[in-house]
């Protein structure tokens, strides 16, 4: 599977997907918050996934611009 196909498959299969890095303090906080709210997200640790860097590129180049445009993500 290509990284784009992996992202498509994950986001269509799970209501909540967190793309994270295991050593990122913000990722730890987001995961804690989502779990505290009772959601059972699919967590993908990009630094531990075989295609992590490719997935990260897909997210940055395709998803992030859409989220910023919709006002759902502030960087």
Protein backbone atom coordinates (compact mmCIF):
# COMPACT_ATOMS: atom_id res chain seq x y z
CA UNK A 1 0.00 0.00 0.00
CA UNK A 2 1.17 3.50 -0.73
CA UNK A 3 1.18 6.08 2.08
CA UNK A 4 -1.79 7.82 0.42
CA UNK A 5 -3.74 4.55 0.38
CA UNK A 6 -2.86 3.93 4.03
CA UNK A 7 -4.21 7.35 5.03
CA UNK A 8 -7.37 6.80 2.95
CA UNK A 9 -7.93 3.36 4.47
CA UNK A 10 -7.39 4.52 8.06
CA UNK A 11 -9.55 7.63 7.79
CA UNK A 12 -12.40 5.73 6.16
CA UNK A 13 -12.24 2.85 8.66
CA UNK A 14 -12.08 4.75 11.96
CA UNK A 15 -14.18 7.62 13.32
CA UNK A 16 -11.14 9.13 15.05
CA UNK A 17 -7.54 8.72 13.89
CA UNK A 18 -4.60 10.36 15.63
CA UNK A 19 -1.39 10.58 13.64
CA UNK A 20 1.22 11.07 16.30
CA UNK A 21 4.89 10.92 17.15
CA UNK A 22 5.70 9.00 20.30
CA UNK A 23 8.21 11.59 21.54
CA UNK A 24 6.00 14.66 20.92
CA UNK A 25 4.56 16.21 24.08
CA UNK A 26 1.63 17.71 22.16
CA UNK A 27 0.78 14.30 20.72
CA UNK A 28 0.78 12.82 24.22
CA UNK A 29 -1.61 15.56 25.40
CA UNK A 30 -3.97 15.14 22.43
CA UNK A 31 -4.10 11.38 22.92
CA UNK A 32 -4.78 11.84 26.63
CA UNK A 33 -7.55 14.36 25.94
CA UNK A 34 -9.27 12.20 23.33
CA UNK A 35 -9.12 9.09 25.52
CA UNK A 36 -10.41 11.12 28.50
CA UNK A 37 -13.42 12.18 26.43
CA UNK A 38 -14.24 8.50 25.96
CA UNK A 39 -13.24 8.13 22.34
CA UNK A 40 -11.32 5.07 21.25
CA UNK A 41 -9.15 6.50 18.49
CA UNK A 42 -6.87 4.62 16.16
CA UNK A 43 -3.40 5.90 17.00
CA UNK A 44 -0.68 5.78 14.35
CA UNK A 45 2.78 6.56 15.71
CA UNK A 46 4.52 7.97 12.65
CA UNK A 47 8.00 7.49 14.09
CA UNK A 48 7.29 3.78 14.62
CA UNK A 49 5.32 3.01 11.44
CA UNK A 50 7.18 1.49 8.48
CA UNK A 51 5.70 4.12 6.15
CA UNK A 52 5.64 6.88 8.77
CA UNK A 53 7.58 9.49 6.80
CA UNK A 54 5.47 8.88 3.69
CA UNK A 55 2.26 9.13 5.71
CA UNK A 56 3.53 12.34 7.27
CA UNK A 57 4.18 13.77 3.78
CA UNK A 58 0.65 12.85 2.67
CA UNK A 59 -0.85 14.49 5.75
CA UNK A 60 1.22 17.63 5.42
CA UNK A 61 0.63 18.05 1.69
CA UNK A 62 -3.04 17.03 1.46
CA UNK A 63 -4.82 17.07 4.80
CA UNK A 64 -3.24 20.02 6.63
CA UNK A 65 -4.13 22.61 3.94
CA UNK A 66 -7.78 21.47 4.01
CA UNK A 67 -7.95 21.63 7.80
CA UNK A 68 -6.40 25.09 7.84
CA UNK A 69 -8.80 26.30 5.17
CA UNK A 70 -11.79 24.96 7.13
CA UNK A 71 -10.52 26.66 10.30
CA UNK A 72 -10.10 23.32 12.08
CA UNK A 73 -6.33 23.53 12.45
CA UNK A 74 -4.11 26.39 13.45
CA UNK A 75 -0.37 26.14 12.95
